[in-house]
Amino acid sequence: MHKNTILIALILQAALAGSSAAGEAGRPPPTQAPTQAPLPEEEITVERLAPADGNRLYVIDPAFGHMVDGRTHVLDGASGRFLGMIGTGFGALMLPSRDGRSLYAVTTYHPRLSRGPRTDVVEIHDAQSLELKAEIDIPPRRAQGISYRSMLASSADGRFLYIQNATPATSVGIVDLVTKKHVGEVQTPGCWSIQAWEQGYRFSAICGDGTLLTVTLDDAGQAVSRERSGKFFDPDTDPIYIHPEISGDQRYFVSYTGNVYGVRLSGDAPAFNAPWPLLDARDRKQAWRPGGLQISALHRASDTLFVNMHDKGAEGTHKNPSKEIWAFDLKTRKRTARLPSNHAVSLAVSQGAQPLLYSLNLEAATVQVRRVAPGYPKVRDITGVGETSMFMEVK
């Protein structure tokens, strides 16, 4: 390399080094970030709900798009506020305890979600925290279906839980909620649903020939007697819904064609009242019929029966959503109101100081709320309630 070229390179290098040093000297020193105290360690707690005020609404969603992941949504029906959710596995049957302090879910799990060894359990949740309090193993025979009210019931004193089984042979499983054990199984061939009596350890089941089977249990949960009633409805011409309305020892069953059958579960044997019609001649001409899943609700203080109704009914429309909700006075057996429906499949009504009527639209996942008062004024719509919500219970 030429001597002049080397000299020029050395001069440029020195100039650049000086310029950099001057710049560093003129630049203020970097500011140090202030020292921060470490964040406090987070404490994980479980928030408890306010005590139920008679309008705690449990909405049962089997999540048909992914049935291994069913849920029960917990709402404050009066305010419309969402309070929480319980995961309930595959096709769970759900029931609040009689005192409202616990929630029972009878469900199924598989280790690979839809396959693998089947495990059936009774889950007991605390109604205030929604936490799991206990789990009871049961035989894998419980009916895997949607949670009709008569699929799961408890004894009058809350000791025994009665579970509808189907293998497809029909039977009722008995769980002792005190000892937390499955203690027995009662065969009920040809009979379906569980109608728990309000005295002792006794339940009845509706049989396919129109009769009622009544089973009495001893203190150990074992069957000691079985009695079959006479025929009280005709399953060929006027079948009844297994969803009953309950007032003490009285049951009210609505039929597919619009009749009400009264059954009293007390004394030595069931007693049956003559059926009476929901429809007059004009209604029948327009082919009004009951329809839906949880097709009725009973406000006990006023003896008001609410029924989901649709017109142009026919054979096979017994699960159609309602066009109207009809109200009946059980004492006079007269219709007292016709309310426009939100195409509900299920109804529920609260029994407290401020009773509300709830109607559930499955397709829109919406619960409409009305006051049980003259005119039944609408309070609100609660929207976005689950995916395929079908049933409701209120405590």
Protein backbone atom coordinates (compact mmCIF):
# COMPACT_ATOMS: atom_id res chain seq x y z
CA MET A 1 0.00 0.00 0.00
CA HIS A 2 1.24 3.53 -0.77
CA LYS A 3 2.69 5.46 2.22
CA ASN A 4 0.28 8.41 1.64
CA THR A 5 -2.73 6.10 1.68
CA ILE A 6 -1.65 4.62 5.03
CA LEU A 7 -1.16 8.07 6.50
CA ILE A 8 -4.64 9.25 5.41
CA ALA A 9 -6.24 6.14 6.92
CA LEU A 10 -4.54 6.71 10.28
CA ILE A 11 -5.65 10.38 10.33
CA LEU A 12 -9.30 9.43 9.61
CA GLN A 13 -9.26 6.73 12.31
CA ALA A 14 -7.96 9.21 14.89
CA ALA A 15 -10.56 11.79 13.88
CA LEU A 16 -13.43 9.32 14.22
CA ALA A 17 -12.20 8.13 17.61
CA GLY A 18 -12.03 11.69 18.86
CA SER A 19 -15.49 12.52 17.59
CA SER A 20 -16.94 9.46 19.35
CA ALA A 21 -15.21 10.33 22.62
CA ALA A 22 -16.48 13.90 22.43
CA GLY A 23 -20.01 12.66 21.84
CA GLU A 24 -19.83 10.29 24.81
CA ALA A 25 -18.47 13.06 26.99
CA GLY A 26 -21.32 15.43 26.07
CA ARG A 27 -24.07 12.86 26.56
CA PRO A 28 -25.75 12.75 30.01
CA PRO A 29 -25.29 9.51 31.95
CA PRO A 30 -28.08 6.97 31.60
CA THR A 31 -30.92 7.25 34.12
CA GLN A 32 -31.39 4.21 36.34
CA ALA A 33 -34.95 2.84 36.70
CA PRO A 34 -36.27 3.30 40.23
CA THR A 35 -36.23 0.19 42.33
CA GLN A 36 -39.75 -1.24 42.75
CA ALA A 37 -40.96 -3.37 45.60
CA PRO A 38 -41.95 -6.88 44.51
CA LEU A 39 -45.66 -7.45 43.91
CA PRO A 40 -47.47 -9.12 46.80
CA GLU A 41 -48.09 -12.81 46.37
CA GLU A 42 -51.62 -13.39 45.07
CA GLU A 43 -53.92 -15.27 47.40
CA ILE A 44 -56.40 -17.56 45.64
CA THR A 45 -59.85 -17.53 47.20
CA VAL A 46 -63.31 -18.78 46.30
CA GLU A 47 -66.03 -16.16 46.15
CA ARG A 48 -69.27 -17.26 47.80
CA LEU A 49 -72.59 -16.29 46.29
CA ALA A 50 -75.16 -14.29 48.19
CA PRO A 51 -77.78 -16.51 49.84
CA ALA A 52 -80.43 -17.65 47.42
CA ASP A 53 -83.53 -15.45 47.61
CA GLY A 54 -85.99 -17.68 45.78
CA ASN A 55 -84.89 -16.53 42.32
CA ARG A 56 -81.61 -18.43 42.02
CA LEU A 57 -81.99 -19.93 38.54
CA TYR A 58 -80.15 -23.06 37.44
CA VAL A 59 -80.18 -23.50 33.65
CA ILE A 60 -79.17 -26.97 32.46
CA ASP A 61 -77.23 -27.12 29.19
CA PRO A 62 -76.18 -30.55 27.85
CA ALA A 63 -74.05 -28.78 25.20
CA PHE A 64 -75.24 -30.90 22.29
CA GLY A 65 -72.32 -29.83 20.09
CA HIS A 66 -69.85 -31.37 22.58
CA MET A 67 -71.90 -33.43 25.00
CA VAL A 68 -68.95 -34.62 27.07
CA ASP A 69 -68.75 -31.05 28.38
CA GLY A 70 -72.24 -30.25 29.68
CA ARG A 71 -72.81 -27.32 32.01
CA THR A 72 -75.24 -25.88 34.51
CA HIS A 73 -75.40 -22.08 34.40
CA VAL A 74 -76.22 -20.26 37.63
CA LEU A 75 -78.11 -16.96 37.32
CA ASP A 76 -79.75 -14.40 39.53
CA GLY A 77 -83.14 -14.48 37.87
CA ALA A 78 -84.30 -11.21 39.43
CA SER A 79 -81.39 -9.10 38.15
CA GLY A 80 -80.42 -11.24 35.16
CA ARG A 81 -76.84 -11.43 36.46
CA PHE A 82 -74.66 -14.43 35.61
CA LEU A 83 -73.31 -15.92 38.85
CA GLY A 84 -71.29 -18.95 37.82
CA MET A 85 -71.16 -22.27 36.06
CA ILE A 86 -70.68 -25.93 36.97
CA GLY A 87 -69.17 -28.42 34.54
CA THR A 88 -71.37 -31.53 34.52
CA GLY A 89 -69.79 -34.00 32.10
CA PHE A 90 -71.80 -36.16 29.69
CA GLY A 91 -75.60 -35.98 29.67
CA ALA A 92 -75.87 -35.08 33.36
CA LEU A 93 -79.03 -35.23 35.42
CA MET A 94 -79.17 -32.25 37.79
CA LEU A 95 -81.23 -31.53 40.90
CA PRO A 96 -81.00 -28.91 43.67
CA SER A 97 -81.36 -30.38 47.14
CA ARG A 98 -84.62 -29.78 48.97
CA ASP A 99 -83.01 -27.28 51.33
CA GLY A 100 -81.26 -25.49 48.45
CA ARG A 101 -77.80 -25.89 49.99
CA SER A 102 -76.46 -28.48 47.57
CA LEU A 103 -76.63 -29.35 43.89
CA TYR A 104 -76.63 -32.97 42.73
CA ALA A 105 -75.26 -33.89 39.32
CA VAL A 106 -75.41 -37.53 38.16
CA THR A 107 -73.03 -37.83 35.26
CA THR A 108 -70.58 -39.90 33.20
CA TYR A 109 -66.89 -39.47 32.36
CA HIS A 110 -64.52 -41.25 29.98
CA PRO A 111 -60.71 -40.76 30.18
CA ARG A 112 -60.55 -40.10 26.42
CA LEU A 113 -63.65 -37.89 26.54
CA SER A 114 -65.73 -40.05 24.19
CA ARG A 115 -64.07 -43.41 24.81
CA GLY A 116 -62.28 -45.43 27.44
CA PRO A 117 -63.58 -47.01 30.66
CA ARG A 118 -66.85 -45.44 31.77
CA THR A 119 -67.14 -43.91 35.22
CA ASP A 120 -70.52 -42.84 36.60
CA VAL A 121 -70.72 -40.62 39.67
CA VAL A 122 -73.00 -38.52 41.81
CA GLU A 123 -71.36 -35.13 42.29
CA ILE A 124 -72.44 -32.96 45.22
CA HIS A 125 -71.71 -29.23 44.86
CA ASP A 126 -72.02 -26.49 47.43
CA ALA A 127 -74.76 -24.11 46.23
CA GLN A 128 -73.01 -21.02 47.65
CA SER A 129 -69.49 -21.59 46.33
CA LEU A 130 -70.31 -24.11 43.52
CA GLU A 131 -67.33 -26.15 44.78
CA LEU A 132 -67.38 -29.93 44.59
CA LYS A 133 -68.02 -31.26 48.11
CA ALA A 134 -68.25 -34.99 47.45
CA GLU A 135 -68.28 -37.62 44.72
CA ILE A 136 -70.03 -40.98 44.95
CA ASP A 137 -69.31 -43.83 42.56
CA ILE A 138 -72.38 -45.55 41.12
CA PRO A 139 -72.81 -48.49 38.72
CA PRO A 140 -72.66 -47.53 35.01
CA ARG A 141 -76.38 -47.95 34.48
CA ARG A 142 -77.85 -44.49 34.92
CA ALA A 143 -79.95 -43.14 32.04
CA GLN A 144 -77.81 -40.99 29.77
CA GLY A 145 -80.31 -38.43 28.54
CA ILE A 146 -81.51 -34.91 29.08
CA SER A 147 -82.46 -33.80 32.56
CA TYR A 148 -86.22 -34.19 32.81
CA ARG A 149 -87.37 -33.53 36.37
CA SER A 150 -88.52 -37.12 36.92
CA MET A 151 -85.15 -38.67 36.05
CA LEU A 152 -83.65 -37.73 39.42
CA ALA A 153 -85.41 -37.23 42.75
CA SER A 154 -84.71 -37.31 46.47
CA SER A 155 -86.59 -38.79 49.40
CA ALA A 156 -88.76 -36.52 51.53
CA ASP A 157 -86.08 -36.20 54.22
CA GLY A 158 -83.27 -35.76 51.69
CA ARG A 159 -81.46 -38.93 52.75
CA PHE A 160 -81.82 -41.03 49.59
CA LEU A 161 -81.24 -40.01 45.99
CA TYR A 162 -83.28 -41.93 43.39
CA ILE A 163 -81.65 -42.24 39.95
CA GLN A 164 -83.33 -43.39 36.75
CA ASN A 165 -81.38 -46.25 35.13
CA ALA A 166 -81.62 -47.58 31.57
CA THR A 167 -79.49 -50.40 30.17
CA PRO A 168 -82.01 -50.34 28.30
CA ALA A 169 -83.83 -52.30 31.06
CA THR A 170 -85.40 -49.82 33.46
CA SER A 171 -84.53 -49.64 37.14
CA VAL A 172 -83.97 -47.06 39.88
CA GLY A 173 -80.61 -46.71 41.62
CA ILE A 174 -80.61 -45.80 45.33
CA VAL A 175 -77.82 -43.65 46.80
CA ASP A 176 -77.53 -42.94 50.52
CA LEU A 177 -76.44 -39.30 50.78
CA VAL A 178 -75.52 -39.71 54.46
CA THR A 179 -73.08 -42.61 54.04
CA LYS A 180 -72.15 -41.46 50.50
CA LYS A 181 -72.73 -44.94 49.05
CA HIS A 182 -74.79 -46.59 46.36
CA VAL A 183 -76.95 -48.97 48.38
CA GLY A 184 -79.38 -50.63 46.01
CA GLU A 185 -81.24 -50.97 42.75
CA VAL A 186 -84.96 -51.53 42.19
CA GLN A 187 -86.11 -53.15 38.95
CA THR A 188 -89.01 -51.28 37.30
CA PRO A 189 -89.69 -53.19 34.05
CA GLY A 190 -91.95 -51.30 31.67
CA CYS A 191 -92.10 -48.26 33.97
CA TRP A 192 -90.25 -44.96 33.67
CA SER A 193 -89.68 -41.79 35.71
CA ILE A 194 -89.42 -41.27 39.47
CA GLN A 195 -92.22 -39.65 41.48
CA ALA A 196 -90.93 -39.38 45.07
CA TRP A 197 -93.54 -39.43 47.82
CA GLU A 198 -93.55 -36.79 50.54
CA GLN A 199 -93.77 -39.39 53.31
CA GLY A 200 -91.26 -42.12 54.05
CA TYR A 201 -89.03 -43.87 51.53
CA ARG A 202 -91.39 -44.47 48.64
CA PHE A 203 -91.52 -43.60 44.96
CA SER A 204 -93.82 -44.30 42.01
CA ALA A 205 -93.09 -44.77 38.31
CA ILE A 206 -95.36 -44.30 35.27
CA CYS A 207 -95.85 -47.55 33.36
CA GLY A 208 -96.39 -48.03 29.66
CA ASP A 209 -99.84 -49.57 30.16
CA GLY A 210 -101.21 -46.45 31.90
CA THR A 211 -100.73 -47.71 35.46
CA LEU A 212 -98.50 -46.55 38.30
CA LEU A 213 -95.92 -48.73 40.04
CA THR A 214 -95.25 -47.79 43.68
CA VAL A 215 -92.18 -49.08 45.53
CA THR A 216 -91.59 -48.82 49.28
CA LEU A 217 -88.05 -48.97 50.69
CA ASP A 218 -86.80 -49.80 54.17
CA ASP A 219 -84.30 -47.72 56.14
CA ALA A 220 -81.43 -49.44 54.32
CA GLY A 221 -82.75 -48.42 50.90
CA GLN A 222 -83.96 -51.92 49.97
CA ALA A 223 -87.35 -52.55 48.35
CA VAL A 224 -89.86 -54.15 50.73
CA SER A 225 -93.06 -53.83 48.69
CA ARG A 226 -94.20 -53.20 45.13
CA GLU A 227 -97.79 -52.29 44.21
CA ARG A 228 -99.35 -51.68 40.80
CA SER A 229 -102.33 -49.34 40.45
CA GLY A 230 -105.20 -49.56 38.05
CA LYS A 231 -105.03 -47.74 34.72
CA PHE A 232 -105.40 -43.98 35.16
CA PHE A 233 -104.65 -42.77 31.60
CA ASP A 234 -104.71 -44.27 28.11
CA PRO A 235 -101.20 -44.26 26.62
CA ASP A 236 -102.55 -44.91 23.13
CA THR A 237 -105.04 -42.04 22.94
CA ASP A 238 -103.84 -39.56 25.57
CA PRO A 239 -100.25 -40.12 26.73
CA ILE A 240 -98.92 -37.90 29.52
CA TYR A 241 -95.67 -36.01 29.94
CA ILE A 242 -93.44 -37.41 32.68
CA HIS A 243 -92.71 -33.85 33.85
CA PRO A 244 -95.05 -33.26 36.84
CA GLU A 245 -96.01 -30.15 38.74
CA ILE A 246 -95.82 -30.77 42.48
CA SER A 247 -97.75 -29.25 45.37
CA GLY A 248 -97.25 -31.25 48.56
CA ASP A 249 -98.43 -34.78 47.89
CA GLN A 250 -100.38 -33.73 44.78
CA ARG A 251 -99.00 -34.24 41.27
CA TYR A 252 -100.37 -32.68 38.08
CA PHE A 253 -99.54 -34.36 34.77
CA VAL A 254 -100.40 -32.71 31.45
CA SER A 255 -101.25 -34.94 28.49
CA TYR A 256 -100.22 -34.57 24.86
CA THR A 257 -103.76 -33.62 23.83
CA GLY A 258 -104.29 -31.05 26.60
CA ASN A 259 -105.78 -32.74 29.65
CA VAL A 260 -104.61 -32.52 33.28
CA TYR A 261 -104.39 -35.69 35.37
CA GLY A 262 -104.23 -35.26 39.14
CA VAL A 263 -102.48 -37.91 41.24
CA ARG A 264 -102.23 -37.81 45.03
CA LEU A 265 -99.27 -39.73 46.45
CA SER A 266 -100.26 -40.28 50.07
CA GLY A 267 -101.76 -42.86 52.39
CA ASP A 268 -101.58 -46.51 51.46
CA ALA A 269 -101.91 -46.09 47.68
CA PRO A 270 -102.04 -43.39 45.00
CA ALA A 271 -105.39 -41.69 44.43
CA PHE A 272 -106.41 -40.42 41.01
CA ASN A 273 -108.62 -37.49 40.04
CA ALA A 274 -110.69 -37.46 36.88
CA PRO A 275 -108.83 -35.59 34.11
CA TRP A 276 -109.99 -32.11 33.12
CA PRO A 277 -109.34 -30.22 29.85
CA LEU A 278 -107.14 -27.23 29.16
CA LEU A 279 -108.98 -26.68 25.87
CA ASP A 280 -112.46 -25.53 24.98
CA ALA A 281 -114.25 -26.33 21.72
CA ARG A 282 -112.69 -23.38 19.90
CA ASP A 283 -109.20 -24.30 21.09
CA ARG A 284 -109.65 -27.85 19.85
CA LYS A 285 -110.84 -26.61 16.47
CA GLN A 286 -107.61 -24.62 16.16
CA ALA A 287 -105.69 -27.71 17.30
CA TRP A 288 -103.98 -26.10 20.30
CA ARG A 289 -101.77 -28.54 22.18
CA PRO A 290 -99.07 -28.48 24.88
CA GLY A 291 -95.49 -28.69 23.66
CA GLY A 292 -91.87 -28.46 24.70
CA LEU A 293 -89.60 -30.17 27.21
CA GLN A 294 -90.36 -28.67 30.63
CA ILE A 295 -93.87 -27.92 29.46
CA SER A 296 -95.42 -26.51 32.64
CA ALA A 297 -94.78 -24.65 35.88
CA LEU A 298 -96.83 -24.23 39.06
CA HIS A 299 -97.01 -21.18 41.31
CA ARG A 300 -98.20 -22.86 44.48
CA ALA A 301 -99.32 -19.83 46.51
CA SER A 302 -101.85 -18.79 43.86
CA ASP A 303 -102.57 -22.31 42.53
CA THR A 304 -101.67 -21.07 39.04
CA LEU A 305 -100.58 -23.62 36.46
CA PHE A 306 -98.65 -22.31 33.43
CA VAL A 307 -98.52 -24.44 30.28
CA ASN A 308 -96.58 -24.06 27.01
CA MET A 309 -99.10 -24.18 24.13
CA HIS A 310 -98.91 -24.16 20.31
CA ASP A 311 -101.64 -24.19 17.67
CA LYS A 312 -101.93 -26.46 14.63
CA GLY A 313 -100.81 -29.33 16.82
CA ALA A 314 -100.88 -32.94 15.68
CA GLU A 315 -99.33 -36.31 16.38
CA GLY A 316 -95.60 -35.71 16.94
CA THR A 317 -95.74 -31.99 17.84
CA HIS A 318 -95.52 -32.62 21.60
CA LYS A 319 -92.00 -31.14 21.76
CA ASN A 320 -92.74 -28.07 19.63
CA PRO A 321 -91.88 -24.68 21.19
CA SER A 322 -94.82 -22.66 22.47
CA LYS A 323 -96.66 -19.88 20.68
CA GLU A 324 -98.41 -18.84 23.87
CA ILE A 325 -98.19 -19.53 27.61
CA TRP A 326 -101.57 -20.23 29.19
CA ALA A 327 -102.32 -19.69 32.88
CA PHE A 328 -104.97 -21.74 34.72
CA ASP A 329 -106.52 -21.49 38.16
CA LEU A 330 -106.31 -25.01 39.59
CA LYS A 331 -109.25 -24.40 41.92
CA THR A 332 -111.70 -23.28 39.23
CA ARG A 333 -109.92 -25.11 36.39
CA LYS A 334 -110.41 -22.01 34.24
CA ARG A 335 -107.90 -20.25 32.01
CA THR A 336 -106.97 -16.88 33.46
CA ALA A 337 -104.41 -15.55 30.96
CA ARG A 338 -102.90 -16.09 27.51
CA LEU A 339 -99.37 -14.69 27.21
CA PRO A 340 -97.33 -14.34 24.02
CA SER A 341 -94.40 -16.74 24.28
CA ASN A 342 -90.78 -16.33 23.26
CA HIS A 343 -91.04 -19.76 21.57
CA ALA A 344 -90.17 -21.38 24.87
CA VAL A 345 -89.54 -25.09 25.33
CA SER A 346 -89.30 -24.87 29.13
CA LEU A 347 -91.00 -23.00 31.96
CA ALA A 348 -90.15 -22.40 35.61
CA VAL A 349 -91.64 -20.17 38.29
CA SER A 350 -90.23 -18.98 41.61
CA GLN A 351 -92.17 -19.27 44.87
CA GLY A 352 -90.79 -16.44 47.00
CA ALA A 353 -92.02 -12.97 47.95
CA GLN A 354 -91.42 -11.63 44.43
CA PRO A 355 -92.31 -14.57 42.17
CA LEU A 356 -91.13 -14.56 38.58
CA LEU A 357 -92.09 -16.67 35.57
CA TYR A 358 -89.20 -17.85 33.41
CA SER A 359 -89.55 -19.10 29.83
CA LEU A 360 -86.57 -20.56 28.00
CA ASN A 361 -86.02 -20.32 24.25
CA LEU A 362 -83.57 -23.10 23.37
CA GLU A 363 -82.65 -21.90 19.89
CA ALA A 364 -81.97 -18.28 20.91
CA ALA A 365 -80.42 -19.23 24.30
CA THR A 366 -82.65 -16.63 25.96
CA VAL A 367 -84.68 -16.65 29.16
CA GLN A 368 -87.63 -14.27 29.26
CA VAL A 369 -88.64 -13.06 32.73
CA ARG A 370 -92.16 -11.95 33.73
CA ARG A 371 -93.66 -10.97 37.07
CA VAL A 372 -96.32 -13.23 38.53
CA ALA A 373 -98.79 -10.37 38.90
CA PRO A 374 -101.86 -9.12 37.03
CA GLY A 375 -100.97 -8.82 33.35
CA TYR A 376 -97.71 -10.71 33.91
CA PRO A 377 -95.54 -7.72 32.91
CA LYS A 378 -92.26 -8.52 31.21
CA VAL A 379 -89.18 -7.70 33.28
CA ARG A 380 -86.31 -8.53 30.92
CA ASP A 381 -84.69 -10.99 28.57
CA ILE A 382 -81.57 -12.76 29.80
CA THR A 383 -79.56 -13.49 26.65
CA GLY A 384 -76.63 -15.75 25.85
CA VAL A 385 -77.59 -18.45 28.34
CA GLY A 386 -75.45 -21.39 27.23
CA GLU A 387 -75.46 -23.17 23.88
CA THR A 388 -78.30 -25.69 23.97
CA SER A 389 -79.92 -24.91 27.32
CA MET A 390 -83.05 -27.03 27.86
CA PHE A 391 -84.21 -27.14 31.48
CA MET A 392 -84.45 -24.84 34.48
CA GLU A 393 -84.76 -25.20 38.22
CA VAL A 394 -85.28 -22.26 40.59
CA LYS A 395 -84.54 -22.05 44.32
